[in-house]
C-alpha cells in the first residue's frame, strides 16, 4: 500500500467534492495503515502551508447509534484551515463542496501546558486552559455508507469544519469535578426549532475528560505522531449521533448541567 498515493487521492476528492469508493473495498486496510495515510495527509497539508493546531477525537457512528460510543474511538490532526472561532454564538456556514454533511456537538479543551508523558487524569485536567462548545461539520467521500473505522481515519476522521464558541475558563475548584460535571451534562440539537437529537457527556468515553486521557495514552503508543503540546486544542468527540444537514436549515445547540452557551448555525 502506498500511503501517500491514498492521502493525495483523499485530499483531491475532498477539494473537488468527488466521491470515492472506500479504500477497504479495494484493498486490505487496517487501523495501523489508516494512521499511516493520516500521517501522510498531515505532511501534505503542512507542505501546502496549513498549520496543525490540535487534534480531534472521533467515535464510530454505529457505536453512537448503539449507545456504546466507548468502543471505537480514533483521532486525527486539526488544521487551522478548517477551524473557525466564532465572534458570537450565531454564525452562517457554507455547505458548498461539503460531501454528505452531518452535524455534531462537541466540547473542546485548550491545553495551557504540555502534559507529562505519565500524567494522570487529574494532571491532564490541570493542564487545560479553557473549555468551549463546538459544532463540527462532518463530511465523507464514501457515497454508500459502507466504510470501516479505518476508512474514516484515513479520510481525516470525516472532519469537515469545526466551529468554536465562547471559551470558558474555570477555577481550580471546578477542575476537581470537571470529569463528572461533563459526564452528567447534556446537550440538545434542534433544527428550525424542532428537537432532533440529545445526548450526555457520558457518551464520550464516559466523559470528555476521559477522552483527553485516551488521546494522551494513544499518542504514547503512536510515536510517529507528536505528543500533546501546550497551545493545542482538543475536540473530544460528539455527544450525539451526527445528523444530516442541508442548506437553508438553522441548527441550534443548548446545554444543561454546565455553563456553556449554545451555538446557532444557519447553513447556506
C-alpha atoms as a PDB file:
ATOM      1  CA  UNK A   1       0.000   0.000   0.000  1.00  0.00           C
ATOM      2  CA  UNK A   2       1.335   3.431  -0.968  1.00  0.00           C
ATOM      3  CA  UNK A   3       0.045   5.625   1.846  1.00  0.00           C
ATOM      4  CA  UNK A   4       0.978   8.890   0.149  1.00  0.00           C
ATOM      5  CA  UNK A   5      -0.951   7.970  -3.003  1.00  0.00           C
ATOM      6  CA  UNK A   6      -4.074   7.292  -0.950  1.00  0.00           C
ATOM      7  CA  UNK A   7      -3.506  10.512   1.001  1.00  0.00           C
ATOM      8  CA  UNK A   8      -3.354  12.507  -2.233  1.00  0.00           C
ATOM      9  CA  UNK A   9      -6.452  10.747  -3.565  1.00  0.00           C
ATOM     10  CA  UNK A  10      -8.438  11.633  -0.435  1.00  0.00           C
ATOM     11  CA  UNK A  11      -7.283  15.260  -0.402  1.00  0.00           C
ATOM     12  CA  UNK A  12      -8.057  15.669  -4.103  1.00  0.00           C
ATOM     13  CA  UNK A  13     -11.516  14.167  -3.649  1.00  0.00           C
ATOM     14  CA  UNK A  14     -12.138  16.491  -0.720  1.00  0.00           C
ATOM     15  CA  UNK A  15     -11.014  19.561  -2.676  1.00  0.00           C
ATOM     16  CA  UNK A  16     -13.180  18.726  -5.698  1.00  0.00           C
ATOM     17  CA  UNK A  17     -16.205  17.311  -3.874  1.00  0.00           C
ATOM     18  CA  UNK A  18     -15.717  13.995  -5.659  1.00  0.00           C
ATOM     19  CA  UNK A  19     -16.869  10.692  -4.163  1.00  0.00           C
ATOM     20  CA  UNK A  20     -14.553   7.732  -3.618  1.00  0.00           C
ATOM     21  CA  UNK A  21     -15.159   4.077  -3.006  1.00  0.00           C
ATOM     22  CA  UNK A  22     -13.965   3.080   0.452  1.00  0.00           C
ATOM     23  CA  UNK A  23     -10.291   2.121   0.491  1.00  0.00           C
ATOM     24  CA  UNK A  24     -11.139  -1.060   2.390  1.00  0.00           C
ATOM     25  CA  UNK A  25     -13.364  -2.132  -0.517  1.00  0.00           C
ATOM     26  CA  UNK A  26     -10.348  -2.022  -2.846  1.00  0.00           C
ATOM     27  CA  UNK A  27      -7.523  -3.320  -0.685  1.00  0.00           C
ATOM     28  CA  UNK A  28      -6.780  -4.504   2.824  1.00  0.00           C
ATOM     29  CA  UNK A  29      -6.856  -1.591   5.231  1.00  0.00           C
ATOM     30  CA  UNK A  30      -6.252  -1.962   8.949  1.00  0.00           C
ATOM     31  CA  UNK A  31      -6.123   0.750  11.621  1.00  0.00           C
ATOM     32  CA  UNK A  32      -2.321   0.999  11.546  1.00  0.00           C
ATOM     33  CA  UNK A  33      -2.344   1.508   7.776  1.00  0.00           C
ATOM     34  CA  UNK A  34      -5.110   4.097   8.099  1.00  0.00           C
ATOM     35  CA  UNK A  35      -2.993   6.136  10.509  1.00  0.00           C
ATOM     36  CA  UNK A  36      -0.106   5.951   8.038  1.00  0.00           C
ATOM     37  CA  UNK A  37      -2.389   7.530   5.431  1.00  0.00           C
ATOM     38  CA  UNK A  38      -3.444  10.130   8.011  1.00  0.00           C
ATOM     39  CA  UNK A  39       0.219  10.911   8.740  1.00  0.00           C
ATOM     40  CA  UNK A  40       0.849  11.471   5.022  1.00  0.00           C
ATOM     41  CA  UNK A  41      -2.198  13.738   4.830  1.00  0.00           C
ATOM     42  CA  UNK A  42      -0.767  15.778   7.726  1.00  0.00           C
ATOM     43  CA  UNK A  43       2.567  16.085   5.931  1.00  0.00           C
ATOM     44  CA  UNK A  44       0.977  17.145   2.650  1.00  0.00           C
ATOM     45  CA  UNK A  45      -1.200  19.755   4.344  1.00  0.00           C
ATOM     46  CA  UNK A  46       1.853  21.213   6.082  1.00  0.00           C
ATOM     47  CA  UNK A  47       3.661  21.313   2.717  1.00  0.00           C
ATOM     48  CA  UNK A  48       0.693  23.322   1.390  1.00  0.00           C
ATOM     49  CA  UNK A  49       1.096  25.893   4.167  1.00  0.00           C
ATOM     50  CA  UNK A  50      -1.543  24.750   6.635  1.00  0.00           C
ATOM     51  CA  UNK A  51      -0.742  24.725  10.338  1.00  0.00           C
ATOM     52  CA  UNK A  52      -1.567  21.917  12.776  1.00  0.00           C
ATOM     53  CA  UNK A  53      -3.338  23.405  15.813  1.00  0.00           C
ATOM     54  CA  UNK A  54      -4.671  20.392  17.679  1.00  0.00           C
ATOM     55  CA  UNK A  55      -6.416  17.035  17.481  1.00  0.00           C
ATOM     56  CA  UNK A  56      -9.971  15.790  17.235  1.00  0.00           C
ATOM     57  CA  UNK A  57     -11.352  12.584  18.660  1.00  0.00           C
ATOM     58  CA  UNK A  58     -13.929  10.745  16.600  1.00  0.00           C
ATOM     59  CA  UNK A  59     -16.309   7.999  17.632  1.00  0.00           C
ATOM     60  CA  UNK A  60     -17.863   5.319  15.468  1.00  0.00           C
ATOM     61  CA  UNK A  61     -21.254   6.427  14.188  1.00  0.00           C
ATOM     62  CA  UNK A  62     -22.519   2.873  14.561  1.00  0.00           C
ATOM     63  CA  UNK A  63     -21.357   2.836  18.175  1.00  0.00           C
ATOM     64  CA  UNK A  64     -23.128   6.124  18.842  1.00  0.00           C
ATOM     65  CA  UNK A  65     -26.391   4.746  17.488  1.00  0.00           C
ATOM     66  CA  UNK A  66     -25.931   1.705  19.727  1.00  0.00           C
ATOM     67  CA  UNK A  67     -25.313   3.949  22.762  1.00  0.00           C
ATOM     68  CA  UNK A  68     -21.862   2.405  23.114  1.00  0.00           C
ATOM     69  CA  UNK A  69     -19.553   5.143  21.916  1.00  0.00           C
ATOM     70  CA  UNK A  70     -16.685   3.888  24.066  1.00  0.00           C
ATOM     71  CA  UNK A  71     -15.795   1.036  21.734  1.00  0.00           C
ATOM     72  CA  UNK A  72     -14.405   2.767  18.638  1.00  0.00           C
ATOM     73  CA  UNK A  73     -12.519   5.997  19.346  1.00  0.00           C
ATOM     74  CA  UNK A  74      -9.994   7.340  16.877  1.00  0.00           C
ATOM     75  CA  UNK A  75      -8.267  10.648  16.346  1.00  0.00           C
ATOM     76  CA  UNK A  76      -6.934  12.971  13.623  1.00  0.00           C
ATOM     77  CA  UNK A  77      -4.986  16.205  13.432  1.00  0.00           C
ATOM     78  CA  UNK A  78      -6.801  19.546  13.328  1.00  0.00           C
ATOM     79  CA  UNK A  79      -5.518  22.268  10.999  1.00  0.00           C
ATOM     80  CA  UNK A  80      -6.196  25.994  11.033  1.00  0.00           C
ATOM     81  CA  UNK A  81      -7.796  25.910   7.580  1.00  0.00           C
ATOM     82  CA  UNK A  82     -10.898  24.096   8.892  1.00  0.00           C
ATOM     83  CA  UNK A  83     -11.345  25.680  12.340  1.00  0.00           C
ATOM     84  CA  UNK A  84     -13.351  28.865  12.953  1.00  0.00           C
ATOM     85  CA  UNK A  85     -13.503  30.793  16.226  1.00  0.00           C
ATOM     86  CA  UNK A  86     -16.932  32.424  16.319  1.00  0.00           C
ATOM     87  CA  UNK A  87     -17.251  36.079  17.407  1.00  0.00           C
ATOM     88  CA  UNK A  88     -20.775  35.347  18.651  1.00  0.00           C
ATOM     89  CA  UNK A  89     -22.973  32.307  19.211  1.00  0.00           C
ATOM     90  CA  UNK A  90     -24.678  32.718  15.837  1.00  0.00           C
ATOM     91  CA  UNK A  91     -22.979  32.169  12.506  1.00  0.00           C
ATOM     92  CA  UNK A  92     -23.507  31.414   8.834  1.00  0.00           C
ATOM     93  CA  UNK A  93     -21.801  28.341   7.404  1.00  0.00           C
ATOM     94  CA  UNK A  94     -21.484  27.381   3.759  1.00  0.00           C
ATOM     95  CA  UNK A  95     -22.042  23.779   2.708  1.00  0.00           C
ATOM     96  CA  UNK A  96     -20.554  24.407  -0.714  1.00  0.00           C
ATOM     97  CA  UNK A  97     -18.415  21.393  -1.614  1.00  0.00           C
ATOM     98  CA  UNK A  98     -19.274  19.537   1.613  1.00  0.00           C
ATOM     99  CA  UNK A  99     -19.865  15.877   0.814  1.00  0.00           C
ATOM    100  CA  UNK A 100     -22.816  14.363   2.676  1.00  0.00           C
ATOM    101  CA  UNK A 101     -22.556  16.845   5.577  1.00  0.00           C
ATOM    102  CA  UNK A 102     -23.627  15.968   9.102  1.00  0.00           C
ATOM    103  CA  UNK A 103     -23.598  17.999  12.298  1.00  0.00           C
ATOM    104  CA  UNK A 104     -22.359  17.011  15.741  1.00  0.00           C
ATOM    105  CA  UNK A 105     -21.972  18.757  19.100  1.00  0.00           C
ATOM    106  CA  UNK A 106     -18.629  18.586  20.896  1.00  0.00           C
ATOM    107  CA  UNK A 107     -16.687  20.063  23.804  1.00  0.00           C
ATOM    108  CA  UNK A 108     -13.198  21.414  23.152  1.00  0.00           C
ATOM    109  CA  UNK A 109     -10.249  21.857  25.504  1.00  0.00           C
ATOM    110  CA  UNK A 110      -7.210  24.084  25.034  1.00  0.00           C
ATOM    111  CA  UNK A 111      -4.008  22.953  26.718  1.00  0.00           C
ATOM    112  CA  UNK A 112      -2.155  25.590  28.724  1.00  0.00           C
ATOM    113  CA  UNK A 113       0.933  23.440  29.135  1.00  0.00           C
ATOM    114  CA  UNK A 114       2.472  20.256  27.794  1.00  0.00           C
ATOM    115  CA  UNK A 115       1.324  17.214  29.786  1.00  0.00           C
ATOM    116  CA  UNK A 116       3.910  14.950  31.330  1.00  0.00           C
ATOM    117  CA  UNK A 117       4.147  11.611  29.482  1.00  0.00           C
ATOM    118  CA  UNK A 118       2.933   9.847  32.626  1.00  0.00           C
ATOM    119  CA  UNK A 119       0.288  12.431  33.528  1.00  0.00           C
ATOM    120  CA  UNK A 120      -2.703  11.195  35.490  1.00  0.00           C
ATOM    121  CA  UNK A 121      -6.248  12.191  34.627  1.00  0.00           C
ATOM    122  CA  UNK A 122      -6.116  14.878  37.308  1.00  0.00           C
ATOM    123  CA  UNK A 123      -2.850  16.259  35.922  1.00  0.00           C
ATOM    124  CA  UNK A 124      -4.278  16.298  32.402  1.00  0.00           C
ATOM    125  CA  UNK A 125      -7.285  18.267  33.621  1.00  0.00           C
ATOM    126  CA  UNK A 126      -4.905  20.673  35.369  1.00  0.00           C
ATOM    127  CA  UNK A 127      -3.208  21.287  32.018  1.00  0.00           C
ATOM    128  CA  UNK A 128      -6.427  22.646  30.455  1.00  0.00           C
ATOM    129  CA  UNK A 129      -6.587  26.415  29.923  1.00  0.00           C
ATOM    130  CA  UNK A 130     -10.237  26.619  28.850  1.00  0.00           C
ATOM    131  CA  UNK A 131     -13.113  24.622  27.509  1.00  0.00           C
ATOM    132  CA  UNK A 132     -15.608  25.596  24.829  1.00  0.00           C
ATOM    133  CA  UNK A 133     -18.576  24.226  22.965  1.00  0.00           C
ATOM    134  CA  UNK A 134     -18.044  23.381  19.337  1.00  0.00           C
ATOM    135  CA  UNK A 135     -20.152  22.412  16.358  1.00  0.00           C
ATOM    136  CA  UNK A 136     -18.426  20.052  13.972  1.00  0.00           C
ATOM    137  CA  UNK A 137     -19.495  19.544  10.376  1.00  0.00           C
ATOM    138  CA  UNK A 138     -18.590  16.035   9.285  1.00  0.00           C
ATOM    139  CA  UNK A 139     -18.124  15.105   5.637  1.00  0.00           C
ATOM    140  CA  UNK A 140     -17.417  11.811   3.924  1.00  0.00           C
ATOM    141  CA  UNK A 141     -16.173  10.990   0.437  1.00  0.00           C
ATOM    142  CA  UNK A 142     -17.704   7.498   0.663  1.00  0.00           C
ATOM    143  CA  UNK A 143     -21.133   7.548  -1.000  1.00  0.00           C
ATOM    144  CA  UNK A 144     -22.900   4.445   0.268  1.00  0.00           C
ATOM    145  CA  UNK A 145     -22.125   4.479   3.993  1.00  0.00           C
ATOM    146  CA  UNK A 146     -20.304   1.141   3.702  1.00  0.00           C
ATOM    147  CA  UNK A 147     -16.932   2.044   5.183  1.00  0.00           C
ATOM    148  CA  UNK A 148     -14.866   0.911   8.123  1.00  0.00           C
ATOM    149  CA  UNK A 149     -13.404   2.805  11.058  1.00  0.00           C
ATOM    150  CA  UNK A 150     -10.049   2.569   9.251  1.00  0.00           C
ATOM    151  CA  UNK A 151     -11.608   4.259   6.196  1.00  0.00           C
ATOM    152  CA  UNK A 152     -12.856   7.050   8.456  1.00  0.00           C
ATOM    153  CA  UNK A 153      -9.404   7.590   9.970  1.00  0.00           C
ATOM    154  CA  UNK A 154      -7.844   7.732   6.509  1.00  0.00           C
ATOM    155  CA  UNK A 155     -10.386  10.362   5.417  1.00  0.00           C
ATOM    156  CA  UNK A 156      -9.413  12.959   8.058  1.00  0.00           C
ATOM    157  CA  UNK A 157     -11.718  11.298  10.583  1.00  0.00           C
ATOM    158  CA  UNK A 158     -14.577  12.588   8.379  1.00  0.00           C
ATOM    159  CA  UNK A 159     -13.796  16.079   9.703  1.00  0.00           C
ATOM    160  CA  UNK A 160     -15.054  18.983   7.646  1.00  0.00           C
ATOM    161  CA  UNK A 161     -15.213  22.173   9.726  1.00  0.00           C
ATOM    162  CA  UNK A 162     -15.052  22.923  13.443  1.00  0.00           C
ATOM    163  CA  UNK A 163     -16.891  25.979  14.778  1.00  0.00           C
ATOM    164  CA  UNK A 164     -15.742  27.054  18.258  1.00  0.00           C
ATOM    165  CA  UNK A 165     -17.989  29.133  20.508  1.00  0.00           C
ATOM    166  CA  UNK A 166     -17.217  31.216  23.579  1.00  0.00           C
ATOM    167  CA  UNK A 167     -14.430  29.878  25.761  1.00  0.00           C
ATOM    168  CA  UNK A 168     -14.964  29.146  29.448  1.00  0.00           C
ATOM    169  CA  UNK A 169     -12.028  29.399  31.860  1.00  0.00           C
ATOM    170  CA  UNK A 170     -12.588  27.548  35.113  1.00  0.00           C
ATOM    171  CA  UNK A 171     -11.327  27.632  38.667  1.00  0.00           C
ATOM    172  CA  UNK A 172      -9.113  25.120  40.412  1.00  0.00           C
ATOM    173  CA  UNK A 173     -12.108  24.014  42.446  1.00  0.00           C
ATOM    174  CA  UNK A 174     -14.119  23.387  39.277  1.00  0.00           C
ATOM    175  CA  UNK A 175     -11.300  21.298  37.797  1.00  0.00           C
ATOM    176  CA  UNK A 176     -11.635  18.676  40.506  1.00  0.00           C
ATOM    177  CA  UNK A 177     -15.209  17.976  39.406  1.00  0.00           C
ATOM    178  CA  UNK A 178     -14.806  18.556  35.683  1.00  0.00           C
ATOM    179  CA  UNK A 179     -14.910  14.936  34.588  1.00  0.00           C
ATOM    180  CA  UNK A 180     -18.132  14.189  36.477  1.00  0.00           C
ATOM    181  CA  UNK A 181     -19.774  17.504  35.589  1.00  0.00           C
ATOM    182  CA  UNK A 182     -19.185  16.907  31.891  1.00  0.00           C
ATOM    183  CA  UNK A 183     -20.360  13.297  32.170  1.00  0.00           C
ATOM    184  CA  UNK A 184     -23.647  14.390  33.739  1.00  0.00           C
ATOM    185  CA  UNK A 185     -24.233  17.383  31.448  1.00  0.00           C
ATOM    186  CA  UNK A 186     -26.419  17.066  28.366  1.00  0.00           C
ATOM    187  CA  UNK A 187     -26.720  18.785  25.012  1.00  0.00           C
ATOM    188  CA  UNK A 188     -29.603  19.042  22.562  1.00  0.00           C
ATOM    189  CA  UNK A 189     -29.563  19.738  18.831  1.00  0.00           C
ATOM    190  CA  UNK A 190     -32.568  21.385  17.189  1.00  0.00           C
ATOM    191  CA  UNK A 191     -33.272  22.088  13.532  1.00  0.00           C
ATOM    192  CA  UNK A 192     -35.508  25.050  12.676  1.00  0.00           C
ATOM    193  CA  UNK A 193     -36.895  24.948  16.199  1.00  0.00           C
ATOM    194  CA  UNK A 194     -37.608  21.190  16.388  1.00  0.00           C
ATOM    195  CA  UNK A 195     -35.603  18.950  18.718  1.00  0.00           C
ATOM    196  CA  UNK A 196     -33.690  16.373  16.651  1.00  0.00           C
ATOM    197  CA  UNK A 197     -31.078  14.811  18.936  1.00  0.00           C
ATOM    198  CA  UNK A 198     -29.806  14.867  22.514  1.00  0.00           C
ATOM    199  CA  UNK A 199     -27.006  13.217  24.413  1.00  0.00           C
ATOM    200  CA  UNK A 200     -24.928  13.214  27.576  1.00  0.00           C
ATOM    201  CA  UNK A 201     -21.224  13.834  28.019  1.00  0.00           C
ATOM    202  CA  UNK A 202     -21.008  10.289  29.380  1.00  0.00           C
ATOM    203  CA  UNK A 203     -21.375   9.041  25.789  1.00  0.00           C
ATOM    204  CA  UNK A 204     -17.855  10.317  25.133  1.00  0.00           C
ATOM    205  CA  UNK A 205     -15.701   7.605  26.728  1.00  0.00           C
ATOM    206  CA  UNK A 206     -17.636   8.178  29.986  1.00  0.00           C
ATOM    207  CA  UNK A 207     -16.582  11.851  29.961  1.00  0.00           C
ATOM    208  CA  UNK A 208     -14.766  14.240  27.605  1.00  0.00           C
ATOM    209  CA  UNK A 209     -12.063  14.434  30.291  1.00  0.00           C
ATOM    210  CA  UNK A 210     -11.508  10.702  29.851  1.00  0.00           C
ATOM    211  CA  UNK A 211     -11.382  11.241  26.093  1.00  0.00           C
ATOM    212  CA  UNK A 212      -8.439  13.580  26.643  1.00  0.00           C
ATOM    213  CA  UNK A 213      -6.706  10.858  28.618  1.00  0.00           C
ATOM    214  CA  UNK A 214      -7.435   8.321  25.861  1.00  0.00           C
ATOM    215  CA  UNK A 215      -5.734  10.593  23.322  1.00  0.00           C
ATOM    216  CA  UNK A 216      -2.740  11.200  25.595  1.00  0.00           C
ATOM    217  CA  UNK A 217      -2.281   7.469  26.117  1.00  0.00           C
ATOM    218  CA  UNK A 218      -2.792   6.648  22.450  1.00  0.00           C
ATOM    219  CA  UNK A 219      -0.118   9.094  21.330  1.00  0.00           C
ATOM    220  CA  UNK A 220       2.377   7.385  23.646  1.00  0.00           C
ATOM    221  CA  UNK A 221       1.867   4.267  21.519  1.00  0.00           C
ATOM    222  CA  UNK A 222       1.897   6.070  18.171  1.00  0.00           C
ATOM    223  CA  UNK A 223       5.370   7.553  18.277  1.00  0.00           C
ATOM    224  CA  UNK A 224       5.202   8.524  14.593  1.00  0.00           C
ATOM    225  CA  UNK A 225       2.997  11.420  15.750  1.00  0.00           C
ATOM    226  CA  UNK A 226       3.991  14.227  18.127  1.00  0.00           C
ATOM    227  CA  UNK A 227       2.684  14.045  21.698  1.00  0.00           C
ATOM    228  CA  UNK A 228       0.244  16.603  23.060  1.00  0.00           C
ATOM    229  CA  UNK A 229       1.724  20.087  23.325  1.00  0.00           C
ATOM    230  CA  UNK A 230       0.869  23.341  25.095  1.00  0.00           C
ATOM    231  CA  UNK A 231      -1.432  25.503  22.968  1.00  0.00           C
ATOM    232  CA  UNK A 232      -3.219  22.628  21.230  1.00  0.00           C
ATOM    233  CA  UNK A 233      -6.995  22.471  21.053  1.00  0.00           C
ATOM    234  CA  UNK A 234      -8.609  19.063  21.552  1.00  0.00           C
ATOM    235  CA  UNK A 235     -12.074  18.334  20.196  1.00  0.00           C
ATOM    236  CA  UNK A 236     -13.191  15.486  22.431  1.00  0.00           C
ATOM    237  CA  UNK A 237     -15.918  13.689  20.454  1.00  0.00           C
ATOM    238  CA  UNK A 238     -19.594  14.002  19.587  1.00  0.00           C
ATOM    239  CA  UNK A 239     -22.237  13.885  22.319  1.00  0.00           C
ATOM    240  CA  UNK A 240     -24.948  12.836  19.850  1.00  0.00           C
ATOM    241  CA  UNK A 241     -25.245  10.792  16.703  1.00  0.00           C
ATOM    242  CA  UNK A 242     -24.277  13.032  13.764  1.00  0.00           C
ATOM    243  CA  UNK A 243     -27.330  14.367  11.918  1.00  0.00           C
ATOM    244  CA  UNK A 244     -27.652  15.192   8.223  1.00  0.00           C
ATOM    245  CA  UNK A 245     -27.796  18.913   7.439  1.00  0.00           C
ATOM    246  CA  UNK A 246     -28.958  20.816   4.368  1.00  0.00           C
ATOM    247  CA  UNK A 247     -28.606  24.349   3.060  1.00  0.00           C
ATOM    248  CA  UNK A 248     -31.457  26.541   4.273  1.00  0.00           C
ATOM    249  CA  UNK A 249     -31.617  24.939   7.714  1.00  0.00           C
ATOM    250  CA  UNK A 250     -30.738  26.577  11.029  1.00  0.00           C
ATOM    251  CA  UNK A 251     -29.409  24.255  13.724  1.00  0.00           C
ATOM    252  CA  UNK A 252     -29.088  25.226  17.382  1.00  0.00           C
ATOM    253  CA  UNK A 253     -27.488  23.574  20.396  1.00  0.00           C
ATOM    254  CA  UNK A 254     -28.259  24.017  24.081  1.00  0.00           C
ATOM    255  CA  UNK A 255     -26.586  22.615  27.213  1.00  0.00           C
ATOM    256  CA  UNK A 256     -27.937  21.550  30.556  1.00  0.00           C
ATOM    257  CA  UNK A 257     -25.793  20.899  33.614  1.00  0.00           C
ATOM    258  CA  UNK A 258     -22.863  23.076  32.580  1.00  0.00           C
ATOM    259  CA  UNK A 259     -22.494  26.786  31.881  1.00  0.00           C
ATOM    260  CA  UNK A 260     -21.704  26.539  28.188  1.00  0.00           C
ATOM    261  CA  UNK A 261     -23.566  28.731  25.728  1.00  0.00           C
ATOM    262  CA  UNK A 262     -25.198  27.031  22.759  1.00  0.00           C
ATOM    263  CA  UNK A 263     -24.441  27.819  19.126  1.00  0.00           C
ATOM    264  CA  UNK A 264     -26.875  28.580  16.305  1.00  0.00           C
ATOM    265  CA  UNK A 265     -25.713  27.879  12.740  1.00  0.00           C
ATOM    266  CA  UNK A 266     -27.578  28.795   9.559  1.00  0.00           C
ATOM    267  CA  UNK A 267     -26.395  26.765   6.568  1.00  0.00           C
ATOM    268  CA  UNK A 268     -26.349  28.001   3.011  1.00  0.00           C
END
